[in-house]
């Protein structure tokens, strides 16, 4: 997909959403009809596996959810 600079400035959020959702793999921004820049998705760096490092080390009280309705009402949410 190719867009001109004015269109890119006007619709930048939409263009980024197209890249994020994978609907477009790259978007070329042109100046006077000639390609000048490209929007491409970032490749995320691998995140260290930390999920589950405390598994089995913490214990929740039996009555942990006992006051959920009361707390919800304090925030104006009807349970």
PDB file of N, CA and C in Angstrom:
ATOM      1  N   UNK A   1       0.851  -1.167   0.000  1.00  0.00           N
ATOM      2  CA  UNK A   1       0.000   0.000   0.000  1.00  0.00           C
ATOM      3  C   UNK A   1       0.898   1.232   0.000  1.00  0.00           C
ATOM      4  N   UNK A   2       0.538   2.231  -0.769  1.00  0.00           N
ATOM      5  CA  UNK A   2       1.292   3.477  -0.817  1.00  0.00           C
ATOM      6  C   UNK A   2       0.352   4.633  -0.560  1.00  0.00           C
ATOM      7  N   UNK A   3       0.787   5.562   0.305  1.00  0.00           N
ATOM      8  CA  UNK A   3       0.004   6.758   0.610  1.00  0.00           C
ATOM      9  C   UNK A   3       0.919   7.971   0.492  1.00  0.00           C
ATOM     10  N   UNK A   4       0.313   9.137   0.253  1.00  0.00           N
ATOM     11  CA  UNK A   4       1.125  10.347   0.216  1.00  0.00           C
ATOM     12  C   UNK A   4       1.292  10.882   1.641  1.00  0.00           C
ATOM     13  N   UNK A   5       2.171  11.854   1.814  1.00  0.00           N
ATOM     14  CA  UNK A   5       2.487  12.354   3.147  1.00  0.00           C
ATOM     15  C   UNK A   5       1.259  12.941   3.844  1.00  0.00           C
ATOM     16  N   UNK A   6       0.461  13.716   3.142  1.00  0.00           N
ATOM     17  CA  UNK A   6      -0.722  14.310   3.761  1.00  0.00           C
ATOM     18  C   UNK A   6      -1.673  13.231   4.256  1.00  0.00           C
ATOM     19  N   UNK A   7      -1.903  12.218   3.444  1.00  0.00           N
ATOM     20  CA  UNK A   7      -2.780  11.114   3.844  1.00  0.00           C
ATOM     21  C   UNK A   7      -2.195  10.374   5.052  1.00  0.00           C
ATOM     22  N   UNK A   8      -0.878  10.190   5.065  1.00  0.00           N
ATOM     23  CA  UNK A   8      -0.235   9.503   6.186  1.00  0.00           C
ATOM     24  C   UNK A   8      -0.378  10.315   7.469  1.00  0.00           C
ATOM     25  N   UNK A   9      -0.211  11.630   7.386  1.00  0.00           N
ATOM     26  CA  UNK A   9      -0.355  12.470   8.572  1.00  0.00           C
ATOM     27  C   UNK A   9      -1.788  12.457   9.074  1.00  0.00           C
ATOM     28  N   UNK A  10      -2.727  12.508   8.169  1.00  0.00           N
ATOM     29  CA  UNK A  10      -4.137  12.543   8.536  1.00  0.00           C
ATOM     30  C   UNK A  10      -4.609  11.218   9.129  1.00  0.00           C
ATOM     31  N   UNK A  11      -4.105  10.110   8.608  1.00  0.00           N
ATOM     32  CA  UNK A  11      -4.608   8.784   8.985  1.00  0.00           C
ATOM     33  C   UNK A  11      -3.562   7.911   9.672  1.00  0.00           C
ATOM     34  N   UNK A  12      -2.604   8.521  10.365  1.00  0.00           N
ATOM     35  CA  UNK A  12      -1.516   7.744  10.948  1.00  0.00           C
ATOM     36  C   UNK A  12      -2.010   6.650  11.891  1.00  0.00           C
ATOM     37  N   UNK A  13      -2.943   6.956  12.763  1.00  0.00           N
ATOM     38  CA  UNK A  13      -3.458   5.943  13.693  1.00  0.00           C
ATOM     39  C   UNK A  13      -4.071   4.767  12.940  1.00  0.00           C
ATOM     40  N   UNK A  14      -4.830   5.070  11.906  1.00  0.00           N
ATOM     41  CA  UNK A  14      -5.457   4.007  11.102  1.00  0.00           C
ATOM     42  C   UNK A  14      -4.390   3.164  10.392  1.00  0.00           C
ATOM     43  N   UNK A  15      -3.376   3.811   9.851  1.00  0.00           N
ATOM     44  CA  UNK A  15      -2.317   3.080   9.152  1.00  0.00           C
ATOM     45  C   UNK A  15      -1.564   2.163  10.119  1.00  0.00           C
ATOM     46  N   UNK A  16      -1.301   2.658  11.310  1.00  0.00           N
ATOM     47  CA  UNK A  16      -0.622   1.826  12.312  1.00  0.00           C
ATOM     48  C   UNK A  16      -1.502   0.640  12.696  1.00  0.00           C
ATOM     49  N   UNK A  17      -2.800   0.868  12.831  1.00  0.00           N
ATOM     50  CA  UNK A  17      -3.724  -0.232  13.156  1.00  0.00           C
ATOM     51  C   UNK A  17      -3.706  -1.294  12.056  1.00  0.00           C
ATOM     52  N   UNK A  18      -3.621  -0.892  10.806  1.00  0.00           N
ATOM     53  CA  UNK A  18      -3.547  -1.844   9.696  1.00  0.00           C
ATOM     54  C   UNK A  18      -2.302  -2.721   9.818  1.00  0.00           C
ATOM     55  N   UNK A  19      -1.189  -2.114  10.205  1.00  0.00           N
ATOM     56  CA  UNK A  19       0.058  -2.868  10.388  1.00  0.00           C
ATOM     57  C   UNK A  19      -0.076  -3.802  11.583  1.00  0.00           C
ATOM     58  N   UNK A  20      -0.585  -3.283  12.699  1.00  0.00           N
ATOM     59  CA  UNK A  20      -0.708  -4.086  13.926  1.00  0.00           C
ATOM     60  C   UNK A  20      -1.597  -5.307  13.737  1.00  0.00           C
ATOM     61  N   UNK A  21      -2.672  -5.146  12.993  1.00  0.00           N
ATOM     62  CA  UNK A  21      -3.610  -6.246  12.809  1.00  0.00           C
ATOM     63  C   UNK A  21      -3.198  -7.192  11.689  1.00  0.00           C
ATOM     64  N   UNK A  22      -2.163  -6.823  10.951  1.00  0.00           N
ATOM     65  CA  UNK A  22      -1.688  -7.695   9.886  1.00  0.00           C
ATOM     66  C   UNK A  22      -2.437  -7.529   8.574  1.00  0.00           C
ATOM     67  N   UNK A  23      -3.342  -6.556   8.512  1.00  0.00           N
ATOM     68  CA  UNK A  23      -4.072  -6.329   7.252  1.00  0.00           C
ATOM     69  C   UNK A  23      -3.138  -5.775   6.177  1.00  0.00           C
ATOM     70  N   UNK A  24      -2.066  -5.107   6.602  1.00  0.00           N
ATOM     71  CA  UNK A  24      -1.020  -4.629   5.697  1.00  0.00           C
ATOM     72  C   UNK A  24       0.316  -5.062   6.287  1.00  0.00           C
ATOM     73  N   UNK A  25       1.241  -5.490   5.427  1.00  0.00           N
ATOM     74  CA  UNK A  25       2.559  -5.900   5.913  1.00  0.00           C
ATOM     75  C   UNK A  25       3.552  -4.752   5.856  1.00  0.00           C
ATOM     76  N   UNK A  26       3.309  -3.789   4.984  1.00  0.00           N
ATOM     77  CA  UNK A  26       4.113  -2.568   4.959  1.00  0.00           C
ATOM     78  C   UNK A  26       3.330  -1.485   4.240  1.00  0.00           C
ATOM     79  N   UNK A  27       3.589  -0.254   4.637  1.00  0.00           N
ATOM     80  CA  UNK A  27       2.931   0.894   4.022  1.00  0.00           C
ATOM     81  C   UNK A  27       4.025   1.864   3.603  1.00  0.00           C
ATOM     82  N   UNK A  28       4.035   2.222   2.345  1.00  0.00           N
ATOM     83  CA  UNK A  28       5.033   3.135   1.808  1.00  0.00           C
ATOM     84  C   UNK A  28       4.446   4.542   1.811  1.00  0.00           C
ATOM     85  N   UNK A  29       5.225   5.490   2.335  1.00  0.00           N
ATOM     86  CA  UNK A  29       4.816   6.892   2.324  1.00  0.00           C
ATOM     87  C   UNK A  29       5.601   7.574   1.202  1.00  0.00           C
ATOM     88  N   UNK A  30       4.864   8.216   0.309  1.00  0.00           N
ATOM     89  CA  UNK A  30       5.493   8.829  -0.865  1.00  0.00           C
ATOM     90  C   UNK A  30       5.440  10.348  -0.794  1.00  0.00           C
ATOM     91  N   UNK A  31       6.496  10.954  -1.349  1.00  0.00           N
ATOM     92  CA  UNK A  31       6.543  12.410  -1.492  1.00  0.00           C
ATOM     93  C   UNK A  31       6.604  12.685  -2.987  1.00  0.00           C
ATOM     94  N   UNK A  32       5.638  13.417  -3.483  1.00  0.00           N
ATOM     95  CA  UNK A  32       5.542  13.703  -4.922  1.00  0.00           C
ATOM     96  C   UNK A  32       5.530  12.420  -5.746  1.00  0.00           C
ATOM     97  N   UNK A  33       4.868  11.388  -5.220  1.00  0.00           N
ATOM     98  CA  UNK A  33       4.726  10.129  -5.945  1.00  0.00           C
ATOM     99  C   UNK A  33       5.922   9.197  -5.862  1.00  0.00           C
ATOM    100  N   UNK A  34       6.998   9.617  -5.185  1.00  0.00           N
ATOM    101  CA  UNK A  34       8.190   8.771  -5.057  1.00  0.00           C
ATOM    102  C   UNK A  34       8.297   8.252  -3.623  1.00  0.00           C
ATOM    103  N   UNK A  35       8.524   6.950  -3.445  1.00  0.00           N
ATOM    104  CA  UNK A  35       8.631   6.386  -2.099  1.00  0.00           C
ATOM    105  C   UNK A  35       9.702   7.095  -1.272  1.00  0.00           C
ATOM    106  N   UNK A  36       9.333   7.466  -0.027  1.00  0.00           N
ATOM    107  CA  UNK A  36      10.269   8.172   0.840  1.00  0.00           C
ATOM    108  C   UNK A  36      10.477   7.460   2.171  1.00  0.00           C
ATOM    109  N   UNK A  37       9.468   6.712   2.637  1.00  0.00           N
ATOM    110  CA  UNK A  37       9.572   6.027   3.932  1.00  0.00           C
ATOM    111  C   UNK A  37       8.647   4.823   3.918  1.00  0.00           C
ATOM    112  N   UNK A  38       8.860   3.948   4.886  1.00  0.00           N
ATOM    113  CA  UNK A  38       8.045   2.742   4.957  1.00  0.00           C
ATOM    114  C   UNK A  38       7.651   2.484   6.410  1.00  0.00           C
ATOM    115  N   UNK A  39       6.395   2.117   6.621  1.00  0.00           N
ATOM    116  CA  UNK A  39       5.914   1.690   7.937  1.00  0.00           C
ATOM    117  C   UNK A  39       5.846   0.169   7.899  1.00  0.00           C
ATOM    118  N   UNK A  40       6.559  -0.471   8.811  1.00  0.00           N
ATOM    119  CA  UNK A  40       6.572  -1.933   8.893  1.00  0.00           C
ATOM    120  C   UNK A  40       6.359  -2.332  10.344  1.00  0.00           C
ATOM    121  N   UNK A  41       5.857  -3.540  10.599  1.00  0.00           N
ATOM    122  CA  UNK A  41       5.658  -3.972  11.989  1.00  0.00           C
ATOM    123  C   UNK A  41       7.007  -4.211  12.677  1.00  0.00           C
ATOM    124  N   UNK A  42       7.047  -3.899  13.953  1.00  0.00           N
ATOM    125  CA  UNK A  42       8.234  -4.197  14.751  1.00  0.00           C
ATOM    126  C   UNK A  42       8.228  -5.667  15.117  1.00  0.00           C
ATOM    127  N   UNK A  43       9.395  -6.255  15.139  1.00  0.00           N
ATOM    128  CA  UNK A  43       9.520  -7.636  15.593  1.00  0.00           C
ATOM    129  C   UNK A  43       9.822  -7.558  17.079  1.00  0.00           C
ATOM    130  N   UNK A  44       8.916  -8.089  17.874  1.00  0.00           N
ATOM    131  CA  UNK A  44       9.081  -8.025  19.324  1.00  0.00           C
ATOM    132  C   UNK A  44      10.259  -8.873  19.771  1.00  0.00           C
ATOM    133  N   UNK A  45      11.014  -8.328  20.713  1.00  0.00           N
ATOM    134  CA  UNK A  45      12.127  -9.085  21.271  1.00  0.00           C
ATOM    135  C   UNK A  45      11.568 -10.145  22.217  1.00  0.00           C
ATOM    136  N   UNK A  46      12.182 -11.301  22.265  1.00  0.00           N
ATOM    137  CA  UNK A  46      11.684 -12.341  23.151  1.00  0.00           C
ATOM    138  C   UNK A  46      11.739 -11.891  24.610  1.00  0.00           C
ATOM    139  N   UNK A  47      10.676 -12.194  25.329  1.00  0.00           N
ATOM    140  CA  UNK A  47      10.577 -11.841  26.741  1.00  0.00           C
ATOM    141  C   UNK A  47      10.980 -13.056  27.561  1.00  0.00           C
ATOM    142  N   UNK A  48      11.741 -12.810  28.596  1.00  0.00           N
ATOM    143  CA  UNK A  48      12.169 -13.911  29.457  1.00  0.00           C
ATOM    144  C   UNK A  48      10.942 -14.609  30.041  1.00  0.00           C
ATOM    145  N   UNK A  49      10.995 -15.893  30.119  1.00  0.00           N
ATOM    146  CA  UNK A  49       9.879 -16.674  30.660  1.00  0.00           C
ATOM    147  C   UNK A  49       9.837 -16.534  32.176  1.00  0.00           C
ATOM    148  N   UNK A  50       8.918 -15.715  32.682  1.00  0.00           N
ATOM    149  CA  UNK A  50       8.798 -15.509  34.104  1.00  0.00           C
ATOM    150  C   UNK A  50       7.471 -16.003  34.641  1.00  0.00           C
ATOM    151  N   UNK A  51       6.589 -16.426  33.780  1.00  0.00           N
ATOM    152  CA  UNK A  51       5.285 -16.898  34.230  1.00  0.00           C
ATOM    153  C   UNK A  51       5.471 -18.165  35.040  1.00  0.00           C
ATOM    154  N   UNK A  52       4.904 -18.160  36.223  1.00  0.00           N
ATOM    155  CA  UNK A  52       4.943 -19.354  37.055  1.00  0.00           C
ATOM    156  C   UNK A  52       6.145 -19.461  37.967  1.00  0.00           C
ATOM    157  N   UNK A  53       6.964 -18.396  38.080  1.00  0.00           N
ATOM    158  CA  UNK A  53       8.160 -18.503  38.917  1.00  0.00           C
ATOM    159  C   UNK A  53       7.814 -18.646  40.400  1.00  0.00           C
ATOM    160  N   UNK A  54       6.636 -18.166  40.817  1.00  0.00           N
ATOM    161  CA  UNK A  54       6.239 -18.264  42.223  1.00  0.00           C
ATOM    162  C   UNK A  54       5.194 -19.359  42.443  1.00  0.00           C
ATOM    163  N   UNK A  55       4.966 -20.178  41.435  1.00  0.00           N
ATOM    164  CA  UNK A  55       3.940 -21.209  41.531  1.00  0.00           C
ATOM    165  C   UNK A  55       4.222 -22.124  42.726  1.00  0.00           C
ATOM    166  N   UNK A  56       3.201 -22.260  43.586  1.00  0.00           N
ATOM    167  CA  UNK A  56       3.323 -23.118  44.756  1.00  0.00           C
ATOM    168  C   UNK A  56       3.969 -22.449  45.956  1.00  0.00           C
ATOM    169  N   UNK A  57       4.442 -21.207  45.801  1.00  0.00           N
ATOM    170  CA  UNK A  57       5.106 -20.513  46.903  1.00  0.00           C
ATOM    171  C   UNK A  57       4.172 -19.566  47.648  1.00  0.00           C
ATOM    172  N   UNK A  58       3.049 -19.217  47.036  1.00  0.00           N
ATOM    173  CA  UNK A  58       2.098 -18.293  47.656  1.00  0.00           C
ATOM    174  C   UNK A  58       0.788 -19.009  47.937  1.00  0.00           C
ATOM    175  N   UNK A  59       0.174 -18.638  49.049  1.00  0.00           N
ATOM    176  CA  UNK A  59      -1.122 -19.232  49.392  1.00  0.00           C
ATOM    177  C   UNK A  59      -2.135 -18.118  49.561  1.00  0.00           C
ATOM    178  N   UNK A  60      -3.300 -18.290  48.983  1.00  0.00           N
ATOM    179  CA  UNK A  60      -4.371 -17.320  49.099  1.00  0.00           C
ATOM    180  C   UNK A  60      -5.267 -17.703  50.260  1.00  0.00           C
ATOM    181  N   UNK A  61      -5.770 -16.716  51.011  1.00  0.00           N
ATOM    182  CA  UNK A  61      -6.698 -17.042  52.087  1.00  0.00           C
ATOM    183  C   UNK A  61      -7.989 -17.628  51.516  1.00  0.00           C
ATOM    184  N   UNK A  62      -8.613 -18.478  52.281  1.00  0.00           N
ATOM    185  CA  UNK A  62      -9.847 -19.142  51.851  1.00  0.00           C
ATOM    186  C   UNK A  62     -10.946 -18.120  51.573  1.00  0.00           C
ATOM    187  N   UNK A  63     -10.999 -17.038  52.353  1.00  0.00           N
ATOM    188  CA  UNK A  63     -12.063 -16.042  52.222  1.00  0.00           C
ATOM    189  C   UNK A  63     -11.660 -14.859  51.328  1.00  0.00           C
ATOM    190  N   UNK A  64     -10.755 -15.072  50.399  1.00  0.00           N
ATOM    191  CA  UNK A  64     -10.239 -14.013  49.543  1.00  0.00           C
ATOM    192  C   UNK A  64     -11.349 -13.263  48.802  1.00  0.00           C
ATOM    193  N   UNK A  65     -12.342 -13.958  48.307  1.00  0.00           N
ATOM    194  CA  UNK A  65     -13.408 -13.333  47.514  1.00  0.00           C
ATOM    195  C   UNK A  65     -14.634 -12.974  48.338  1.00  0.00           C
ATOM    196  N   UNK A  66     -14.540 -13.056  49.629  1.00  0.00           N
ATOM    197  CA  UNK A  66     -15.702 -12.859  50.505  1.00  0.00           C
ATOM    198  C   UNK A  66     -16.315 -11.467  50.367  1.00  0.00           C
ATOM    199  N   UNK A  67     -15.510 -10.441  50.154  1.00  0.00           N
ATOM    200  CA  UNK A  67     -16.013  -9.064  50.146  1.00  0.00           C
ATOM    201  C   UNK A  67     -16.097  -8.464  48.742  1.00  0.00           C
ATOM    202  N   UNK A  68     -16.080  -9.287  47.701  1.00  0.00           N
ATOM    203  CA  UNK A  68     -16.109  -8.775  46.324  1.00  0.00           C
ATOM    204  C   UNK A  68     -17.325  -7.896  46.044  1.00  0.00           C
ATOM    205  N   UNK A  69     -18.514  -8.296  46.510  1.00  0.00           N
ATOM    206  CA  UNK A  69     -19.730  -7.511  46.252  1.00  0.00           C
ATOM    207  C   UNK A  69     -19.649  -6.146  46.925  1.00  0.00           C
ATOM    208  N   UNK A  70     -19.139  -6.124  48.145  1.00  0.00           N
ATOM    209  CA  UNK A  70     -19.005  -4.864  48.879  1.00  0.00           C
ATOM    210  C   UNK A  70     -18.020  -3.933  48.173  1.00  0.00           C
ATOM    211  N   UNK A  71     -16.906  -4.474  47.716  1.00  0.00           N
ATOM    212  CA  UNK A  71     -15.903  -3.664  47.012  1.00  0.00           C
ATOM    213  C   UNK A  71     -16.458  -3.155  45.690  1.00  0.00           C
ATOM    214  N   UNK A  72     -17.191  -3.995  44.982  1.00  0.00           N
ATOM    215  CA  UNK A  72     -17.792  -3.590  43.716  1.00  0.00           C
ATOM    216  C   UNK A  72     -18.765  -2.435  43.935  1.00  0.00           C
ATOM    217  N   UNK A  73     -19.551  -2.482  45.011  1.00  0.00           N
ATOM    218  CA  UNK A  73     -20.516  -1.416  45.272  1.00  0.00           C
ATOM    219  C   UNK A  73     -19.793  -0.108  45.596  1.00  0.00           C
ATOM    220  N   UNK A  74     -18.610  -0.166  46.222  1.00  0.00           N
ATOM    221  CA  UNK A  74     -17.842   1.043  46.488  1.00  0.00           C
ATOM    222  C   UNK A  74     -17.399   1.729  45.198  1.00  0.00           C
ATOM    223  N   UNK A  75     -17.230   0.960  44.135  1.00  0.00           N
ATOM    224  CA  UNK A  75     -16.852   1.506  42.838  1.00  0.00           C
ATOM    225  C   UNK A  75     -18.064   1.798  41.954  1.00  0.00           C
ATOM    226  N   UNK A  76     -19.242   1.626  42.513  1.00  0.00           N
ATOM    227  CA  UNK A  76     -20.463   1.927  41.771  1.00  0.00           C
ATOM    228  C   UNK A  76     -20.857   0.849  40.774  1.00  0.00           C
ATOM    229  N   UNK A  77     -20.348  -0.361  40.958  1.00  0.00           N
ATOM    230  CA  UNK A  77     -20.673  -1.479  40.068  1.00  0.00           C
ATOM    231  C   UNK A  77     -21.668  -2.359  40.789  1.00  0.00           C
ATOM    232  N   UNK A  78     -22.750  -2.683  40.108  1.00  0.00           N
ATOM    233  CA  UNK A  78     -23.738  -3.577  40.722  1.00  0.00           C
ATOM    234  C   UNK A  78     -23.306  -5.020  40.509  1.00  0.00           C
ATOM    235  N   UNK A  79     -23.177  -5.772  41.587  1.00  0.00           N
ATOM    236  CA  UNK A  79     -22.752  -7.195  41.446  1.00  0.00           C
ATOM    237  C   UNK A  79     -23.781  -8.061  40.769  1.00  0.00           C
TER     238      UNK A  79
END
